[in-house]
């Protein structure tokens, strides 16, 4: 079973979100990085990019596949994790910590509709069958 921290929120497309004082830190889940395998390349948006909910904003590539990363909300990118650009393996090693991707300032935080850890674990379980 994947590591699914209780204090985070999730999307059905395997992104995790941590809300800190209205700013959202976003990354891909442990399940996602496990499915992809060793990551070799990450493409992130530029700072000040406006994101649209459910649209792709980043790409992570492993030796066996590439995957799009989708925005959980409409908002503005205020920070990117330069460390994962230089060392994509950080996402494999620490997906919920050093492997974060972007920080977003949402345009309307009330429109953030995410899954809790229990709901997300059901999504992961349903994909395993």
C-alpha atoms as a PDB file:
ATOM      1  CA  UNK A   1       0.000   0.000   0.000  1.00  0.00           C
ATOM      2  CA  UNK A   2       1.235   3.485  -0.815  1.00  0.00           C
ATOM      3  CA  UNK A   3       2.242   6.022   1.758  1.00  0.00           C
ATOM      4  CA  UNK A   4      -0.727   8.444   2.061  1.00  0.00           C
ATOM      5  CA  UNK A   5      -0.165  11.083   4.761  1.00  0.00           C
ATOM      6  CA  UNK A   6      -3.351  12.047   6.614  1.00  0.00           C
ATOM      7  CA  UNK A   7      -2.514  15.783   6.792  1.00  0.00           C
ATOM      8  CA  UNK A   8      -2.483  16.274   3.018  1.00  0.00           C
ATOM      9  CA  UNK A   9      -5.258  16.451   0.436  1.00  0.00           C
ATOM     10  CA  UNK A  10      -5.305  14.689  -2.928  1.00  0.00           C
ATOM     11  CA  UNK A  11      -6.638  14.678  -6.472  1.00  0.00           C
ATOM     12  CA  UNK A  12      -7.909  11.699  -8.445  1.00  0.00           C
ATOM     13  CA  UNK A  13      -4.990  12.285 -10.833  1.00  0.00           C
ATOM     14  CA  UNK A  14      -2.430  11.591  -8.057  1.00  0.00           C
ATOM     15  CA  UNK A  15      -1.356  15.054  -7.007  1.00  0.00           C
ATOM     16  CA  UNK A  16      -1.058  15.957  -3.326  1.00  0.00           C
ATOM     17  CA  UNK A  17      -1.789  19.405  -1.923  1.00  0.00           C
ATOM     18  CA  UNK A  18      -0.678  21.008   1.313  1.00  0.00           C
ATOM     19  CA  UNK A  19      -2.499  24.207   2.236  1.00  0.00           C
ATOM     20  CA  UNK A  20      -0.272  26.514   4.280  1.00  0.00           C
ATOM     21  CA  UNK A  21      -1.804  29.882   5.107  1.00  0.00           C
ATOM     22  CA  UNK A  22      -3.682  29.955   1.816  1.00  0.00           C
ATOM     23  CA  UNK A  23      -0.689  28.958  -0.321  1.00  0.00           C
ATOM     24  CA  UNK A  24      -0.810  25.508  -1.873  1.00  0.00           C
ATOM     25  CA  UNK A  25       2.237  23.295  -2.200  1.00  0.00           C
ATOM     26  CA  UNK A  26       1.660  20.644  -4.878  1.00  0.00           C
ATOM     27  CA  UNK A  27       3.520  17.466  -5.799  1.00  0.00           C
ATOM     28  CA  UNK A  28       2.857  13.967  -7.062  1.00  0.00           C
ATOM     29  CA  UNK A  29       1.906  11.212  -4.656  1.00  0.00           C
ATOM     30  CA  UNK A  30       4.011   8.295  -3.523  1.00  0.00           C
ATOM     31  CA  UNK A  31       1.683   6.048  -5.545  1.00  0.00           C
ATOM     32  CA  UNK A  32       2.340   8.086  -8.709  1.00  0.00           C
ATOM     33  CA  UNK A  33       6.106   8.083  -8.354  1.00  0.00           C
ATOM     34  CA  UNK A  34       6.064   4.332  -7.593  1.00  0.00           C
ATOM     35  CA  UNK A  35       4.045   3.637 -10.754  1.00  0.00           C
ATOM     36  CA  UNK A  36       6.401   5.771 -12.869  1.00  0.00           C
ATOM     37  CA  UNK A  37       9.644   4.396 -11.465  1.00  0.00           C
ATOM     38  CA  UNK A  38      12.955   6.261 -11.421  1.00  0.00           C
ATOM     39  CA  UNK A  39      12.346   9.820 -12.542  1.00  0.00           C
ATOM     40  CA  UNK A  40      14.900  11.294 -14.914  1.00  0.00           C
ATOM     41  CA  UNK A  41      13.342  14.594 -16.019  1.00  0.00           C
ATOM     42  CA  UNK A  42      10.937  17.202 -14.657  1.00  0.00           C
ATOM     43  CA  UNK A  43       9.428  20.141 -16.520  1.00  0.00           C
ATOM     44  CA  UNK A  44       7.830  22.874 -14.378  1.00  0.00           C
ATOM     45  CA  UNK A  45       5.998  26.077 -15.272  1.00  0.00           C
ATOM     46  CA  UNK A  46       7.613  29.475 -14.874  1.00  0.00           C
ATOM     47  CA  UNK A  47       6.909  31.609 -11.829  1.00  0.00           C
ATOM     48  CA  UNK A  48       3.883  33.910 -12.392  1.00  0.00           C
ATOM     49  CA  UNK A  49       2.251  31.343 -14.713  1.00  0.00           C
ATOM     50  CA  UNK A  50      -1.520  31.255 -14.295  1.00  0.00           C
ATOM     51  CA  UNK A  51      -2.806  27.708 -13.905  1.00  0.00           C
ATOM     52  CA  UNK A  52      -6.249  26.434 -14.833  1.00  0.00           C
ATOM     53  CA  UNK A  53      -7.911  23.795 -12.694  1.00  0.00           C
ATOM     54  CA  UNK A  54      -7.535  20.253 -14.085  1.00  0.00           C
ATOM     55  CA  UNK A  55      -5.137  21.354 -16.832  1.00  0.00           C
ATOM     56  CA  UNK A  56      -1.628  19.964 -17.158  1.00  0.00           C
ATOM     57  CA  UNK A  57       1.062  22.269 -15.763  1.00  0.00           C
ATOM     58  CA  UNK A  58       4.112  20.034 -15.419  1.00  0.00           C
ATOM     59  CA  UNK A  59       5.615  16.852 -16.824  1.00  0.00           C
ATOM     60  CA  UNK A  60       7.535  14.156 -14.984  1.00  0.00           C
ATOM     61  CA  UNK A  61       9.420  11.547 -16.980  1.00  0.00           C
ATOM     62  CA  UNK A  62      10.883   8.239 -15.913  1.00  0.00           C
ATOM     63  CA  UNK A  63      12.884   5.728 -17.887  1.00  0.00           C
ATOM     64  CA  UNK A  64       9.625   3.979 -18.789  1.00  0.00           C
ATOM     65  CA  UNK A  65       6.952   6.681 -19.057  1.00  0.00           C
ATOM     66  CA  UNK A  66       6.082  10.354 -19.030  1.00  0.00           C
ATOM     67  CA  UNK A  67       3.177  11.701 -17.013  1.00  0.00           C
ATOM     68  CA  UNK A  68       1.378  15.019 -16.922  1.00  0.00           C
ATOM     69  CA  UNK A  69       0.785  16.753 -13.606  1.00  0.00           C
ATOM     70  CA  UNK A  70      -2.539  18.575 -13.286  1.00  0.00           C
ATOM     71  CA  UNK A  71      -3.403  21.713 -11.358  1.00  0.00           C
ATOM     72  CA  UNK A  72      -5.815  21.182  -8.444  1.00  0.00           C
ATOM     73  CA  UNK A  73      -7.082  24.768  -8.717  1.00  0.00           C
ATOM     74  CA  UNK A  74      -6.954  27.949 -10.740  1.00  0.00           C
ATOM     75  CA  UNK A  75      -4.138  30.101  -9.452  1.00  0.00           C
ATOM     76  CA  UNK A  76      -0.712  31.615  -9.930  1.00  0.00           C
ATOM     77  CA  UNK A  77       2.620  29.824  -9.588  1.00  0.00           C
ATOM     78  CA  UNK A  78       4.605  31.740  -6.979  1.00  0.00           C
ATOM     79  CA  UNK A  79       7.479  29.311  -6.477  1.00  0.00           C
ATOM     80  CA  UNK A  80       8.950  26.278  -8.206  1.00  0.00           C
ATOM     81  CA  UNK A  81      11.191  23.630  -6.697  1.00  0.00           C
ATOM     82  CA  UNK A  82      14.495  24.182  -8.498  1.00  0.00           C
ATOM     83  CA  UNK A  83      15.986  21.172  -6.681  1.00  0.00           C
ATOM     84  CA  UNK A  84      13.784  18.654  -8.544  1.00  0.00           C
ATOM     85  CA  UNK A  85      14.768  20.177 -11.896  1.00  0.00           C
ATOM     86  CA  UNK A  86      18.392  19.355 -11.107  1.00  0.00           C
ATOM     87  CA  UNK A  87      17.639  16.085  -9.308  1.00  0.00           C
ATOM     88  CA  UNK A  88      14.279  14.527 -10.339  1.00  0.00           C
ATOM     89  CA  UNK A  89      15.083  11.538  -8.105  1.00  0.00           C
ATOM     90  CA  UNK A  90      14.145  13.703  -5.080  1.00  0.00           C
ATOM     91  CA  UNK A  91      10.529  13.004  -6.052  1.00  0.00           C
ATOM     92  CA  UNK A  92      11.173   9.259  -5.782  1.00  0.00           C
ATOM     93  CA  UNK A  93      13.024   9.629  -2.488  1.00  0.00           C
ATOM     94  CA  UNK A  94      10.725  12.115  -0.728  1.00  0.00           C
ATOM     95  CA  UNK A  95       7.523  12.802  -2.723  1.00  0.00           C
ATOM     96  CA  UNK A  96       5.790  14.615   0.168  1.00  0.00           C
ATOM     97  CA  UNK A  97       8.822  16.607   1.313  1.00  0.00           C
ATOM     98  CA  UNK A  98      11.813  17.631  -0.781  1.00  0.00           C
ATOM     99  CA  UNK A  99      10.084  16.332  -3.915  1.00  0.00           C
ATOM    100  CA  UNK A 100       7.364  19.012  -4.037  1.00  0.00           C
ATOM    101  CA  UNK A 101       6.862  20.683  -7.436  1.00  0.00           C
ATOM    102  CA  UNK A 102       5.224  24.115  -7.175  1.00  0.00           C
ATOM    103  CA  UNK A 103       3.590  26.561  -4.789  1.00  0.00           C
ATOM    104  CA  UNK A 104       0.358  28.137  -6.015  1.00  0.00           C
ATOM    105  CA  UNK A 105      -1.558  31.181  -4.821  1.00  0.00           C
ATOM    106  CA  UNK A 106      -5.184  30.202  -5.577  1.00  0.00           C
ATOM    107  CA  UNK A 107      -7.499  32.780  -7.111  1.00  0.00           C
ATOM    108  CA  UNK A 108     -10.419  31.386  -5.095  1.00  0.00           C
ATOM    109  CA  UNK A 109      -9.508  28.907  -2.360  1.00  0.00           C
ATOM    110  CA  UNK A 110     -13.195  28.113  -1.825  1.00  0.00           C
ATOM    111  CA  UNK A 111     -13.120  26.296  -5.179  1.00  0.00           C
ATOM    112  CA  UNK A 112     -10.592  23.778  -3.904  1.00  0.00           C
ATOM    113  CA  UNK A 113     -12.357  20.415  -3.848  1.00  0.00           C
ATOM    114  CA  UNK A 114      -9.939  17.663  -2.927  1.00  0.00           C
ATOM    115  CA  UNK A 115      -9.937  14.161  -1.519  1.00  0.00           C
ATOM    116  CA  UNK A 116      -8.864  13.365   2.012  1.00  0.00           C
ATOM    117  CA  UNK A 117      -6.368  10.556   2.639  1.00  0.00           C
ATOM    118  CA  UNK A 118      -9.083   7.915   3.095  1.00  0.00           C
ATOM    119  CA  UNK A 119     -10.868   8.912  -0.124  1.00  0.00           C
ATOM    120  CA  UNK A 120      -7.596   8.950  -2.041  1.00  0.00           C
ATOM    121  CA  UNK A 121      -6.611   5.520  -0.718  1.00  0.00           C
ATOM    122  CA  UNK A 122      -9.870   4.192  -2.231  1.00  0.00           C
ATOM    123  CA  UNK A 123      -8.865   5.685  -5.617  1.00  0.00           C
ATOM    124  CA  UNK A 124      -5.488   3.935  -5.395  1.00  0.00           C
ATOM    125  CA  UNK A 125      -7.117   0.664  -4.334  1.00  0.00           C
ATOM    126  CA  UNK A 126      -9.633   0.799  -7.186  1.00  0.00           C
ATOM    127  CA  UNK A 127      -6.801   1.202  -9.720  1.00  0.00           C
ATOM    128  CA  UNK A 128      -5.023  -1.854  -8.340  1.00  0.00           C
ATOM    129  CA  UNK A 129      -7.765  -4.173  -9.598  1.00  0.00           C
END
